[in-house]
Amino acid sequence: MFKSISKILITGFITLLPIVLTIYLLYWLAVTSERVMGNALRFALPDTVYFPGLGMLAGVIIVFIVGLMMNAYMVRQLFALGEQVLYRLPLIKTVYRAFRDFFDFFSPKKDQFGQVVAVSINGMELVGFVTQEDPERLPESFRGRDSVLVYLPMSYMVGGYTLLIPRSELRPLNMSMEEAMRFALTAGIAGKNANGRNT
């Protein structure tokens, strides 16, 4: 009986936790933007104009405008120049580059990985992502043979390995990057049911 109750409680916990964490993250973002932008707006605007939620609205508008401006070539170039300055500052360059790489992973502006492939290693197959197949963009010592860089994610971890692998050891997979990443990170638990939907 206790085993059955524990199983039900764990099932409920696993079901609710992603929802609660998502709601909490959105709540934290809304409260933070309201606090930061609200203080600035209260300083700049009369009390009769300001209303609760205006700071959050202003934050959303600013983020939208920045995203819109990043479509302009000149803005991207200026932003890249500013990043080059940050990349030369001790300590800051390490922290900033780590955050930049992490958030670039979720960027919708481009595919972070290329073809999803199965990598053959000693009779086993691992799910990987081709990250670089242009020989001219590889280190000089890696050129001269028909190999590509492949990223192999680790299950339940933010990390993985980047290996230089011959093309002959790769087999293209008919999976999107999102499906393959979810499959690899959850150790195959997030598979597909008979209807083709992710479980």
C-alpha atoms as a PDB file:
ATOM      1  CA  MET A   1       0.000   0.000   0.000  1.00  0.00           C
ATOM      2  CA  PHE A   2       2.750   2.435   0.982  1.00  0.00           C
ATOM      3  CA  LYS A   3       4.647   1.510  -2.175  1.00  0.00           C
ATOM      4  CA  SER A   4       1.603   2.375  -4.286  1.00  0.00           C
ATOM      5  CA  ILE A   5       1.147   5.705  -2.477  1.00  0.00           C
ATOM      6  CA  SER A   6       4.826   6.553  -2.949  1.00  0.00           C
ATOM      7  CA  LYS A   7       4.605   5.758  -6.649  1.00  0.00           C
ATOM      8  CA  ILE A   8       1.562   8.023  -7.034  1.00  0.00           C
ATOM      9  CA  LEU A   9       3.283  10.854  -5.138  1.00  0.00           C
ATOM     10  CA  ILE A  10       6.431  10.559  -7.281  1.00  0.00           C
ATOM     11  CA  THR A  11       4.334  10.559 -10.457  1.00  0.00           C
ATOM     12  CA  GLY A  12       2.506  13.691  -9.311  1.00  0.00           C
ATOM     13  CA  PHE A  13       5.785  15.360  -8.341  1.00  0.00           C
ATOM     14  CA  ILE A  14       7.412  14.600 -11.699  1.00  0.00           C
ATOM     15  CA  THR A  15       4.291  15.847 -13.503  1.00  0.00           C
ATOM     16  CA  LEU A  16       4.015  19.119 -11.594  1.00  0.00           C
ATOM     17  CA  LEU A  17       7.701  20.046 -11.191  1.00  0.00           C
ATOM     18  CA  PRO A  18       8.349  21.167 -14.817  1.00  0.00           C
ATOM     19  CA  ILE A  19       5.132  23.234 -14.766  1.00  0.00           C
ATOM     20  CA  VAL A  20       5.981  24.843 -11.417  1.00  0.00           C
ATOM     21  CA  LEU A  21       9.560  25.613 -12.456  1.00  0.00           C
ATOM     22  CA  THR A  22       8.401  27.150 -15.755  1.00  0.00           C
ATOM     23  CA  ILE A  23       5.801  29.317 -13.998  1.00  0.00           C
ATOM     24  CA  TYR A  24       8.348  30.352 -11.365  1.00  0.00           C
ATOM     25  CA  LEU A  25      10.905  31.316 -14.022  1.00  0.00           C
ATOM     26  CA  LEU A  26       8.335  33.461 -15.845  1.00  0.00           C
ATOM     27  CA  TYR A  27       7.266  34.998 -12.521  1.00  0.00           C
ATOM     28  CA  TRP A  28      10.890  35.760 -11.606  1.00  0.00           C
ATOM     29  CA  LEU A  29      11.525  37.392 -14.981  1.00  0.00           C
ATOM     30  CA  ALA A  30       8.356  39.487 -14.683  1.00  0.00           C
ATOM     31  CA  VAL A  31       9.097  40.604 -11.110  1.00  0.00           C
ATOM     32  CA  THR A  32      12.743  41.389 -11.894  1.00  0.00           C
ATOM     33  CA  SER A  33      11.909  43.440 -14.981  1.00  0.00           C
ATOM     34  CA  GLU A  34       9.169  45.289 -13.085  1.00  0.00           C
ATOM     35  CA  ARG A  35      11.520  46.085 -10.211  1.00  0.00           C
ATOM     36  CA  VAL A  36      14.447  47.233 -12.369  1.00  0.00           C
ATOM     37  CA  MET A  37      12.543  49.073 -15.086  1.00  0.00           C
ATOM     38  CA  GLY A  38       9.849  50.256 -12.664  1.00  0.00           C
ATOM     39  CA  ASN A  39      12.390  52.064 -10.506  1.00  0.00           C
ATOM     40  CA  ALA A  40      13.838  53.783 -13.574  1.00  0.00           C
ATOM     41  CA  LEU A  41      10.401  54.786 -14.854  1.00  0.00           C
ATOM     42  CA  ARG A  42       9.255  56.091 -11.457  1.00  0.00           C
ATOM     43  CA  PHE A  43      12.346  58.279 -11.415  1.00  0.00           C
ATOM     44  CA  ALA A  44      11.696  59.607 -14.949  1.00  0.00           C
ATOM     45  CA  LEU A  45       7.884  59.788 -14.989  1.00  0.00           C
ATOM     46  CA  PRO A  46       5.338  61.518 -12.733  1.00  0.00           C
ATOM     47  CA  ASP A  47       3.522  59.305 -10.224  1.00  0.00           C
ATOM     48  CA  THR A  48       0.242  59.990 -12.041  1.00  0.00           C
ATOM     49  CA  VAL A  49       1.576  58.381 -15.225  1.00  0.00           C
ATOM     50  CA  TYR A  50       3.197  55.279 -13.728  1.00  0.00           C
ATOM     51  CA  PHE A  51       1.071  52.209 -13.018  1.00  0.00           C
ATOM     52  CA  PRO A  52       2.017  48.708 -11.777  1.00  0.00           C
ATOM     53  CA  GLY A  53       3.165  46.537 -14.653  1.00  0.00           C
ATOM     54  CA  LEU A  54       4.552  49.428 -16.695  1.00  0.00           C
ATOM     55  CA  GLY A  55       8.107  48.374 -15.847  1.00  0.00           C
ATOM     56  CA  MET A  56       7.501  44.842 -17.118  1.00  0.00           C
ATOM     57  CA  LEU A  57       5.878  46.219 -20.277  1.00  0.00           C
ATOM     58  CA  ALA A  58       8.839  48.531 -20.829  1.00  0.00           C
ATOM     59  CA  GLY A  59      11.233  45.604 -20.373  1.00  0.00           C
ATOM     60  CA  VAL A  60       9.404  43.561 -23.032  1.00  0.00           C
ATOM     61  CA  ILE A  61       9.443  46.529 -25.432  1.00  0.00           C
ATOM     62  CA  ILE A  62      13.176  47.113 -24.896  1.00  0.00           C
ATOM     63  CA  VAL A  63      13.976  43.422 -25.489  1.00  0.00           C
ATOM     64  CA  PHE A  64      11.860  43.498 -28.667  1.00  0.00           C
ATOM     65  CA  ILE A  65      13.591  46.651 -29.940  1.00  0.00           C
ATOM     66  CA  VAL A  66      17.048  45.172 -29.264  1.00  0.00           C
ATOM     67  CA  GLY A  67      16.078  41.996 -31.115  1.00  0.00           C
ATOM     68  CA  LEU A  68      14.766  44.105 -34.002  1.00  0.00           C
ATOM     69  CA  MET A  69      17.942  46.199 -34.132  1.00  0.00           C
ATOM     70  CA  MET A  70      20.134  43.082 -34.254  1.00  0.00           C
ATOM     71  CA  ASN A  71      18.727  42.408 -37.725  1.00  0.00           C
ATOM     72  CA  ALA A  72      20.620  45.480 -38.974  1.00  0.00           C
ATOM     73  CA  TYR A  73      24.134  44.765 -40.264  1.00  0.00           C
ATOM     74  CA  MET A  74      25.702  47.888 -38.725  1.00  0.00           C
ATOM     75  CA  VAL A  75      24.245  47.130 -35.293  1.00  0.00           C
ATOM     76  CA  ARG A  76      25.569  43.567 -35.441  1.00  0.00           C
ATOM     77  CA  GLN A  77      29.010  44.868 -36.372  1.00  0.00           C
ATOM     78  CA  LEU A  78      29.024  47.387 -33.513  1.00  0.00           C
ATOM     79  CA  PHE A  79      27.854  44.690 -31.117  1.00  0.00           C
ATOM     80  CA  ALA A  80      30.628  42.377 -32.329  1.00  0.00           C
ATOM     81  CA  LEU A  81      33.210  45.127 -31.748  1.00  0.00           C
ATOM     82  CA  GLY A  82      31.895  45.615 -28.223  1.00  0.00           C
ATOM     83  CA  GLU A  83      32.161  41.875 -27.600  1.00  0.00           C
ATOM     84  CA  GLN A  84      35.772  41.886 -28.771  1.00  0.00           C
ATOM     85  CA  VAL A  85      36.527  44.429 -26.049  1.00  0.00           C
ATOM     86  CA  LEU A  86      34.883  42.199 -23.434  1.00  0.00           C
ATOM     87  CA  TYR A  87      36.832  39.189 -24.708  1.00  0.00           C
ATOM     88  CA  ARG A  88      40.084  41.007 -23.887  1.00  0.00           C
ATOM     89  CA  LEU A  89      39.226  41.823 -20.266  1.00  0.00           C
ATOM     90  CA  PRO A  90      40.582  39.377 -17.647  1.00  0.00           C
ATOM     91  CA  LEU A  91      37.941  37.358 -15.762  1.00  0.00           C
ATOM     92  CA  ILE A  92      35.104  39.142 -17.558  1.00  0.00           C
ATOM     93  CA  LYS A  93      36.002  37.415 -20.831  1.00  0.00           C
ATOM     94  CA  THR A  94      35.709  33.979 -19.217  1.00  0.00           C
ATOM     95  CA  VAL A  95      32.356  34.641 -17.559  1.00  0.00           C
ATOM     96  CA  TYR A  96      30.861  36.521 -20.507  1.00  0.00           C
ATOM     97  CA  ARG A  97      31.976  33.944 -23.077  1.00  0.00           C
ATOM     98  CA  ALA A  98      30.444  31.131 -20.987  1.00  0.00           C
ATOM     99  CA  PHE A  99      27.112  32.964 -20.770  1.00  0.00           C
ATOM    100  CA  ARG A 100      27.251  33.926 -24.450  1.00  0.00           C
ATOM    101  CA  ASP A 101      27.874  30.344 -25.576  1.00  0.00           C
ATOM    102  CA  PHE A 102      25.101  29.052 -23.308  1.00  0.00           C
ATOM    103  CA  PHE A 103      22.459  31.483 -24.562  1.00  0.00           C
ATOM    104  CA  ASP A 104      23.586  31.193 -28.184  1.00  0.00           C
ATOM    105  CA  PHE A 105      22.673  27.529 -27.893  1.00  0.00           C
ATOM    106  CA  PHE A 106      18.996  28.555 -27.543  1.00  0.00           C
ATOM    107  CA  SER A 107      19.165  31.317 -30.147  1.00  0.00           C
ATOM    108  CA  PRO A 108      16.534  31.026 -32.913  1.00  0.00           C
ATOM    109  CA  LYS A 109      18.658  33.035 -35.342  1.00  0.00           C
ATOM    110  CA  LYS A 110      20.434  29.977 -36.713  1.00  0.00           C
ATOM    111  CA  ASP A 111      20.871  26.259 -36.256  1.00  0.00           C
ATOM    112  CA  GLN A 112      23.620  25.757 -33.714  1.00  0.00           C
ATOM    113  CA  PHE A 113      24.274  22.261 -35.013  1.00  0.00           C
ATOM    114  CA  GLY A 114      24.210  20.740 -38.437  1.00  0.00           C
ATOM    115  CA  GLN A 115      23.112  17.256 -39.418  1.00  0.00           C
ATOM    116  CA  VAL A 116      22.035  14.858 -36.679  1.00  0.00           C
ATOM    117  CA  VAL A 117      24.125  11.716 -37.053  1.00  0.00           C
ATOM    118  CA  ALA A 118      24.771   8.344 -35.471  1.00  0.00           C
ATOM    119  CA  VAL A 119      28.454   7.847 -34.666  1.00  0.00           C
ATOM    120  CA  SER A 120      29.792   4.278 -34.860  1.00  0.00           C
ATOM    121  CA  ILE A 121      32.317   3.469 -32.121  1.00  0.00           C
ATOM    122  CA  ASN A 122      33.382  -0.137 -31.485  1.00  0.00           C
ATOM    123  CA  GLY A 123      30.082  -1.543 -32.699  1.00  0.00           C
ATOM    124  CA  MET A 124      28.030   0.995 -30.728  1.00  0.00           C
ATOM    125  CA  GLU A 125      26.187   4.029 -32.057  1.00  0.00           C
ATOM    126  CA  LEU A 126      25.983   7.420 -30.340  1.00  0.00           C
ATOM    127  CA  VAL A 127      23.714  10.338 -31.239  1.00  0.00           C
ATOM    128  CA  GLY A 128      25.766  13.364 -32.302  1.00  0.00           C
ATOM    129  CA  PHE A 129      25.572  16.692 -34.105  1.00  0.00           C
ATOM    130  CA  VAL A 130      27.895  17.838 -36.874  1.00  0.00           C
ATOM    131  CA  THR A 131      29.232  21.209 -35.719  1.00  0.00           C
ATOM    132  CA  GLN A 132      31.857  21.896 -38.380  1.00  0.00           C
ATOM    133  CA  GLU A 133      32.414  20.223 -41.739  1.00  0.00           C
ATOM    134  CA  ASP A 134      34.265  22.996 -43.568  1.00  0.00           C
ATOM    135  CA  PRO A 135      37.985  22.006 -43.553  1.00  0.00           C
ATOM    136  CA  GLU A 136      39.058  25.660 -43.869  1.00  0.00           C
ATOM    137  CA  ARG A 137      37.457  26.447 -40.514  1.00  0.00           C
ATOM    138  CA  LEU A 138      39.215  23.616 -38.717  1.00  0.00           C
ATOM    139  CA  PRO A 139      42.642  23.951 -37.062  1.00  0.00           C
ATOM    140  CA  GLU A 140      45.373  23.383 -39.651  1.00  0.00           C
ATOM    141  CA  SER A 141      46.544  20.154 -38.000  1.00  0.00           C
ATOM    142  CA  PHE A 142      43.011  18.715 -38.406  1.00  0.00           C
ATOM    143  CA  ARG A 143      42.848  19.288 -42.150  1.00  0.00           C
ATOM    144  CA  GLY A 144      43.899  16.920 -44.911  1.00  0.00           C
ATOM    145  CA  ARG A 145      41.509  14.067 -44.267  1.00  0.00           C
ATOM    146  CA  ASP A 146      37.789  13.648 -44.807  1.00  0.00           C
ATOM    147  CA  SER A 147      36.693  14.240 -41.200  1.00  0.00           C
ATOM    148  CA  VAL A 148      34.170  16.515 -39.501  1.00  0.00           C
ATOM    149  CA  LEU A 149      33.703  17.820 -35.968  1.00  0.00           C
ATOM    150  CA  VAL A 150      30.862  16.096 -34.136  1.00  0.00           C
ATOM    151  CA  TYR A 151      29.410  17.078 -30.759  1.00  0.00           C
ATOM    152  CA  LEU A 152      28.296  14.171 -28.553  1.00  0.00           C
ATOM    153  CA  PRO A 153      26.011  15.337 -25.693  1.00  0.00           C
ATOM    154  CA  MET A 154      25.977  13.542 -22.342  1.00  0.00           C
ATOM    155  CA  SER A 155      22.708  12.375 -20.804  1.00  0.00           C
ATOM    156  CA  TYR A 156      21.307  14.444 -17.917  1.00  0.00           C
ATOM    157  CA  MET A 157      24.261  16.841 -18.068  1.00  0.00           C
ATOM    158  CA  VAL A 158      25.041  20.204 -19.656  1.00  0.00           C
ATOM    159  CA  GLY A 159      28.150  19.078 -21.466  1.00  0.00           C
ATOM    160  CA  GLY A 160      29.572  16.648 -23.940  1.00  0.00           C
ATOM    161  CA  TYR A 161      32.523  15.872 -26.185  1.00  0.00           C
ATOM    162  CA  THR A 162      33.579  17.353 -29.510  1.00  0.00           C
ATOM    163  CA  LEU A 163      35.385  14.784 -31.643  1.00  0.00           C
ATOM    164  CA  LEU A 164      36.995  14.840 -35.077  1.00  0.00           C
ATOM    165  CA  ILE A 165      35.417  11.832 -36.788  1.00  0.00           C
ATOM    166  CA  PRO A 166      35.809  10.419 -40.345  1.00  0.00           C
ATOM    167  CA  ARG A 167      32.666  10.799 -42.442  1.00  0.00           C
ATOM    168  CA  SER A 168      32.662   7.060 -43.042  1.00  0.00           C
ATOM    169  CA  GLU A 169      31.917   6.530 -39.345  1.00  0.00           C
ATOM    170  CA  LEU A 170      28.775   8.681 -39.489  1.00  0.00           C
ATOM    171  CA  ARG A 171      25.222   7.753 -40.427  1.00  0.00           C
ATOM    172  CA  PRO A 172      22.693  10.588 -40.990  1.00  0.00           C
ATOM    173  CA  LEU A 173      19.557  10.354 -38.836  1.00  0.00           C
ATOM    174  CA  ASN A 174      16.090  11.552 -39.775  1.00  0.00           C
ATOM    175  CA  MET A 175      15.635  13.592 -36.589  1.00  0.00           C
ATOM    176  CA  SER A 176      15.414  17.290 -35.884  1.00  0.00           C
ATOM    177  CA  MET A 177      18.051  18.856 -33.643  1.00  0.00           C
ATOM    178  CA  GLU A 178      15.464  19.390 -30.900  1.00  0.00           C
ATOM    179  CA  GLU A 179      14.251  15.781 -31.023  1.00  0.00           C
ATOM    180  CA  ALA A 180      17.793  14.401 -31.034  1.00  0.00           C
ATOM    181  CA  MET A 181      18.936  16.635 -28.170  1.00  0.00           C
ATOM    182  CA  ARG A 182      15.914  15.706 -26.060  1.00  0.00           C
ATOM    183  CA  PHE A 183      16.486  12.022 -26.844  1.00  0.00           C
ATOM    184  CA  ALA A 184      20.180  12.189 -25.925  1.00  0.00           C
ATOM    185  CA  LEU A 185      19.841  14.345 -22.790  1.00  0.00           C
ATOM    186  CA  THR A 186      17.089  12.151 -21.333  1.00  0.00           C
ATOM    187  CA  ALA A 187      18.958   8.909 -22.125  1.00  0.00           C
ATOM    188  CA  GLY A 188      16.251   7.861 -24.566  1.00  0.00           C
ATOM    189  CA  ILE A 189      13.400   8.164 -22.062  1.00  0.00           C
ATOM    190  CA  ALA A 190      11.817  10.933 -24.172  1.00  0.00           C
ATOM    191  CA  GLY A 191      11.188   8.656 -27.125  1.00  0.00           C
ATOM    192  CA  LYS A 192       8.287   8.655 -29.534  1.00  0.00           C
ATOM    193  CA  ASN A 193       4.973   6.882 -29.197  1.00  0.00           C
ATOM    194  CA  ALA A 194       3.084   5.154 -31.967  1.00  0.00           C
ATOM    195  CA  ASN A 195       1.586   8.475 -33.161  1.00  0.00           C
ATOM    196  CA  GLY A 196       5.051   9.956 -33.673  1.00  0.00           C
ATOM    197  CA  ARG A 197       4.727  12.381 -30.787  1.00  0.00           C
ATOM    198  CA  ASN A 198       7.431  12.772 -28.151  1.00  0.00           C
ATOM    199  CA  THR A 199       6.512  11.090 -24.880  1.00  0.00           C
END
